[in-house]
Amino acid sequence: PKVPPKGGFTLGLGVEQALKVARNTRFAEERSGSKVVAMTELHHGITIEVQNHLPRAARCEIRERIPQPAEDAEVVVEELEVEPAWEIYDQSERQRELRGGRRWKVDIDSGAKQKLEASYVVKIYANNELVGGNRREA
């Protein structure tokens, strides 16, 4: 699109090789108990490490997305622990709705490493679980 005089625009210049990012996930499935209305809990953990090899500090924005069940679904998604705190990200600046979006904005000094962690649980009623497990691997 056209930009008016003194207007602003964003231009992506590609990947910065001096910023190293590693994203690791954990998953565990467990039954909440032997109650009449038992639930299966699918625990998810995310760990992201960002390392800055630039000769200056870098401001980084790391985006994540957690599942969002339909309104009539018999599923509950709960955020458990997030360190450091993140904010809801709906990408309104792009005029595209994003459900379940989250983001961290962190400043990382030159030569430093920042660790970001989040965990959430997806709870489903035991009568809705899949026979043989709720996670499928290809």
C-alpha atoms as a PDB file:
ATOM      1  CA  PRO A   1       0.000   0.000   0.000  1.00  0.00           C
ATOM      2  CA  LYS A   2       0.967   3.623  -0.493  1.00  0.00           C
ATOM      3  CA  VAL A   3       2.509   5.540   2.405  1.00  0.00           C
ATOM      4  CA  PRO A   4       1.699   9.256   2.815  1.00  0.00           C
ATOM      5  CA  PRO A   5       4.474  11.832   3.336  1.00  0.00           C
ATOM      6  CA  LYS A   6       6.006  11.444   6.820  1.00  0.00           C
ATOM      7  CA  GLY A   7       3.991   8.239   7.229  1.00  0.00           C
ATOM      8  CA  GLY A   8       5.429   5.079   8.684  1.00  0.00           C
ATOM      9  CA  PHE A   9       5.659   1.482   7.554  1.00  0.00           C
ATOM     10  CA  THR A  10       7.298  -1.729   8.702  1.00  0.00           C
ATOM     11  CA  LEU A  11       9.858  -3.548   6.619  1.00  0.00           C
ATOM     12  CA  GLY A  12      11.072  -6.987   7.640  1.00  0.00           C
ATOM     13  CA  LEU A  13      14.720  -7.582   6.875  1.00  0.00           C
ATOM     14  CA  GLY A  14      14.754 -11.305   7.554  1.00  0.00           C
ATOM     15  CA  VAL A  15      16.241 -13.391  10.310  1.00  0.00           C
ATOM     16  CA  GLU A  16      18.893 -11.987  12.648  1.00  0.00           C
ATOM     17  CA  GLN A  17      21.531 -14.708  12.896  1.00  0.00           C
ATOM     18  CA  ALA A  18      22.964 -13.309  16.136  1.00  0.00           C
ATOM     19  CA  LEU A  19      19.739 -14.038  18.064  1.00  0.00           C
ATOM     20  CA  LYS A  20      19.449 -17.719  18.910  1.00  0.00           C
ATOM     21  CA  VAL A  21      16.069 -19.117  19.961  1.00  0.00           C
ATOM     22  CA  ALA A  22      15.273 -22.599  21.268  1.00  0.00           C
ATOM     23  CA  ARG A  23      11.673 -23.708  21.917  1.00  0.00           C
ATOM     24  CA  ASN A  24      11.062 -26.908  23.888  1.00  0.00           C
ATOM     25  CA  THR A  25       7.765 -28.418  24.978  1.00  0.00           C
ATOM     26  CA  ARG A  26       6.628 -30.951  27.570  1.00  0.00           C
ATOM     27  CA  PHE A  27       3.429 -32.994  27.693  1.00  0.00           C
ATOM     28  CA  ALA A  28       1.868 -35.199  30.363  1.00  0.00           C
ATOM     29  CA  GLU A  29      -1.566 -36.819  30.540  1.00  0.00           C
ATOM     30  CA  GLU A  30      -3.201 -37.682  33.848  1.00  0.00           C
ATOM     31  CA  ARG A  31      -6.603 -38.436  35.326  1.00  0.00           C
ATOM     32  CA  SER A  32      -7.856 -35.867  37.848  1.00  0.00           C
ATOM     33  CA  GLY A  33      -9.160 -38.534  40.222  1.00  0.00           C
ATOM     34  CA  SER A  34     -11.733 -41.226  40.725  1.00  0.00           C
ATOM     35  CA  LYS A  35     -14.639 -38.846  41.253  1.00  0.00           C
ATOM     36  CA  VAL A  36     -18.014 -39.424  39.628  1.00  0.00           C
ATOM     37  CA  VAL A  37     -17.188 -36.735  37.058  1.00  0.00           C
ATOM     38  CA  ALA A  38     -13.552 -37.567  36.335  1.00  0.00           C
ATOM     39  CA  MET A  39     -11.561 -35.395  33.993  1.00  0.00           C
ATOM     40  CA  THR A  40      -8.488 -36.108  31.962  1.00  0.00           C
ATOM     41  CA  GLU A  41      -5.885 -33.386  32.236  1.00  0.00           C
ATOM     42  CA  LEU A  42      -3.460 -32.755  29.390  1.00  0.00           C
ATOM     43  CA  HIS A  43      -0.563 -30.747  30.870  1.00  0.00           C
ATOM     44  CA  HIS A  44       1.520 -28.706  28.425  1.00  0.00           C
ATOM     45  CA  GLY A  45       4.729 -26.835  29.178  1.00  0.00           C
ATOM     46  CA  ILE A  46       6.660 -24.448  26.959  1.00  0.00           C
ATOM     47  CA  THR A  47      10.231 -23.280  27.541  1.00  0.00           C
ATOM     48  CA  ILE A  48      11.812 -20.728  25.232  1.00  0.00           C
ATOM     49  CA  GLU A  49      15.420 -19.596  25.537  1.00  0.00           C
ATOM     50  CA  VAL A  50      16.607 -16.526  23.660  1.00  0.00           C
ATOM     51  CA  GLN A  51      20.314 -15.732  23.525  1.00  0.00           C
ATOM     52  CA  ASN A  52      21.650 -12.402  22.251  1.00  0.00           C
ATOM     53  CA  HIS A  53      25.013 -12.522  20.451  1.00  0.00           C
ATOM     54  CA  LEU A  54      24.676  -8.954  19.148  1.00  0.00           C
ATOM     55  CA  PRO A  55      27.123  -6.276  20.341  1.00  0.00           C
ATOM     56  CA  ARG A  56      24.124  -4.324  21.732  1.00  0.00           C
ATOM     57  CA  ALA A  57      20.940  -5.000  23.672  1.00  0.00           C
ATOM     58  CA  ALA A  58      17.970  -6.341  21.703  1.00  0.00           C
ATOM     59  CA  ARG A  59      14.236  -5.877  22.247  1.00  0.00           C
ATOM     60  CA  CYS A  60      12.493  -9.148  21.394  1.00  0.00           C
ATOM     61  CA  GLU A  61       8.835 -10.016  20.988  1.00  0.00           C
ATOM     62  CA  ILE A  62       8.054 -13.716  21.327  1.00  0.00           C
ATOM     63  CA  ARG A  63       4.558 -14.870  20.400  1.00  0.00           C
ATOM     64  CA  GLU A  64       2.793 -18.039  21.470  1.00  0.00           C
ATOM     65  CA  ARG A  65      -0.708 -19.404  21.104  1.00  0.00           C
ATOM     66  CA  ILE A  66      -2.708 -21.558  23.493  1.00  0.00           C
ATOM     67  CA  PRO A  67      -5.755 -23.619  22.480  1.00  0.00           C
ATOM     68  CA  GLN A  68      -9.169 -21.976  22.646  1.00  0.00           C
ATOM     69  CA  PRO A  69     -12.133 -24.371  22.773  1.00  0.00           C
ATOM     70  CA  ALA A  70     -15.421 -23.592  21.055  1.00  0.00           C
ATOM     71  CA  GLU A  71     -18.010 -22.027  23.348  1.00  0.00           C
ATOM     72  CA  ASP A  72     -20.174 -25.164  23.431  1.00  0.00           C
ATOM     73  CA  ALA A  73     -17.263 -27.592  23.883  1.00  0.00           C
ATOM     74  CA  GLU A  74     -16.920 -29.630  27.054  1.00  0.00           C
ATOM     75  CA  VAL A  75     -13.283 -28.627  27.356  1.00  0.00           C
ATOM     76  CA  VAL A  76     -11.552 -26.235  29.741  1.00  0.00           C
ATOM     77  CA  VAL A  77      -8.171 -24.603  29.107  1.00  0.00           C
ATOM     78  CA  GLU A  78      -6.403 -23.050  32.095  1.00  0.00           C
ATOM     79  CA  GLU A  79      -3.137 -21.128  32.133  1.00  0.00           C
ATOM     80  CA  LEU A  80      -1.058 -22.281  35.097  1.00  0.00           C
ATOM     81  CA  GLU A  81       2.329 -20.591  35.427  1.00  0.00           C
ATOM     82  CA  VAL A  82       3.956 -18.018  33.172  1.00  0.00           C
ATOM     83  CA  GLU A  83       7.399 -16.562  33.897  1.00  0.00           C
ATOM     84  CA  PRO A  84       7.971 -13.738  33.112  1.00  0.00           C
ATOM     85  CA  ALA A  85       4.384 -12.553  32.711  1.00  0.00           C
ATOM     86  CA  TRP A  86       3.045 -12.367  29.178  1.00  0.00           C
ATOM     87  CA  GLU A  87       0.204 -10.324  27.718  1.00  0.00           C
ATOM     88  CA  ILE A  88      -2.777 -11.192  25.565  1.00  0.00           C
ATOM     89  CA  TYR A  89      -2.014 -10.669  21.889  1.00  0.00           C
ATOM     90  CA  ASP A  90      -4.968 -10.403  19.495  1.00  0.00           C
ATOM     91  CA  GLN A  91      -2.992  -8.998  16.519  1.00  0.00           C
ATOM     92  CA  SER A  92      -5.478  -6.136  16.172  1.00  0.00           C
ATOM     93  CA  GLU A  93      -2.820  -4.076  14.366  1.00  0.00           C
ATOM     94  CA  ARG A  94      -3.112  -6.583  11.493  1.00  0.00           C
ATOM     95  CA  GLN A  95      -6.952  -6.466  11.438  1.00  0.00           C
ATOM     96  CA  ARG A  96      -7.027 -10.264  11.892  1.00  0.00           C
ATOM     97  CA  GLU A  97      -8.522 -11.725  15.032  1.00  0.00           C
ATOM     98  CA  LEU A  98      -6.298 -14.194  16.856  1.00  0.00           C
ATOM     99  CA  ARG A  99      -7.834 -16.212  19.676  1.00  0.00           C
ATOM    100  CA  GLY A 100      -5.493 -17.521  22.343  1.00  0.00           C
ATOM    101  CA  GLY A 101      -2.564 -15.340  21.312  1.00  0.00           C
ATOM    102  CA  ARG A 102       0.002 -14.412  23.952  1.00  0.00           C
ATOM    103  CA  ARG A 103       3.301 -12.549  23.755  1.00  0.00           C
ATOM    104  CA  TRP A 104       6.348 -11.668  25.746  1.00  0.00           C
ATOM    105  CA  LYS A 105       8.273  -8.437  25.183  1.00  0.00           C
ATOM    106  CA  VAL A 106      11.753  -8.682  26.662  1.00  0.00           C
ATOM    107  CA  ASP A 107      14.975  -6.701  26.500  1.00  0.00           C
ATOM    108  CA  ILE A 108      18.063  -8.900  26.341  1.00  0.00           C
ATOM    109  CA  ASP A 109      21.499  -7.422  27.012  1.00  0.00           C
ATOM    110  CA  SER A 110      24.441  -8.187  24.760  1.00  0.00           C
ATOM    111  CA  GLY A 111      25.742 -11.696  25.462  1.00  0.00           C
ATOM    112  CA  ALA A 112      22.814 -12.482  27.803  1.00  0.00           C
ATOM    113  CA  LYS A 113      20.293 -15.296  27.755  1.00  0.00           C
ATOM    114  CA  GLN A 114      16.582 -15.014  28.671  1.00  0.00           C
ATOM    115  CA  LYS A 115      14.402 -17.978  29.631  1.00  0.00           C
ATOM    116  CA  LEU A 116      10.623 -17.782  29.126  1.00  0.00           C
ATOM    117  CA  GLU A 117       8.327 -20.441  30.546  1.00  0.00           C
ATOM    118  CA  ALA A 118       4.604 -21.083  30.385  1.00  0.00           C
ATOM    119  CA  SER A 119       2.340 -23.980  31.260  1.00  0.00           C
ATOM    120  CA  TYR A 120      -1.329 -24.686  30.710  1.00  0.00           C
ATOM    121  CA  VAL A 121      -3.694 -27.599  31.121  1.00  0.00           C
ATOM    122  CA  VAL A 122      -6.475 -28.809  28.840  1.00  0.00           C
ATOM    123  CA  LYS A 123      -9.195 -30.559  30.840  1.00  0.00           C
ATOM    124  CA  ILE A 124     -11.655 -32.875  29.122  1.00  0.00           C
ATOM    125  CA  TYR A 125     -14.350 -35.052  30.636  1.00  0.00           C
ATOM    126  CA  ALA A 126     -13.356 -38.706  30.809  1.00  0.00           C
ATOM    127  CA  ASN A 127     -16.367 -39.716  28.708  1.00  0.00           C
ATOM    128  CA  ASN A 128     -14.974 -37.586  25.832  1.00  0.00           C
ATOM    129  CA  GLU A 129     -11.475 -39.046  25.773  1.00  0.00           C
ATOM    130  CA  LEU A 130     -10.167 -41.139  22.907  1.00  0.00           C
ATOM    131  CA  VAL A 131      -9.648 -44.834  23.439  1.00  0.00           C
ATOM    132  CA  GLY A 132      -5.910 -45.491  23.617  1.00  0.00           C
ATOM    133  CA  GLY A 133      -4.951 -41.919  24.530  1.00  0.00           C
ATOM    134  CA  ASN A 134      -5.694 -38.327  23.623  1.00  0.00           C
ATOM    135  CA  ARG A 135      -2.505 -37.515  21.771  1.00  0.00           C
ATOM    136  CA  ARG A 136      -1.791 -38.930  18.332  1.00  0.00           C
ATOM    137  CA  GLU A 137       1.638 -39.072  16.780  1.00  0.00           C
ATOM    138  CA  ALA A 138       2.050 -39.396  13.019  1.00  0.00           C
END
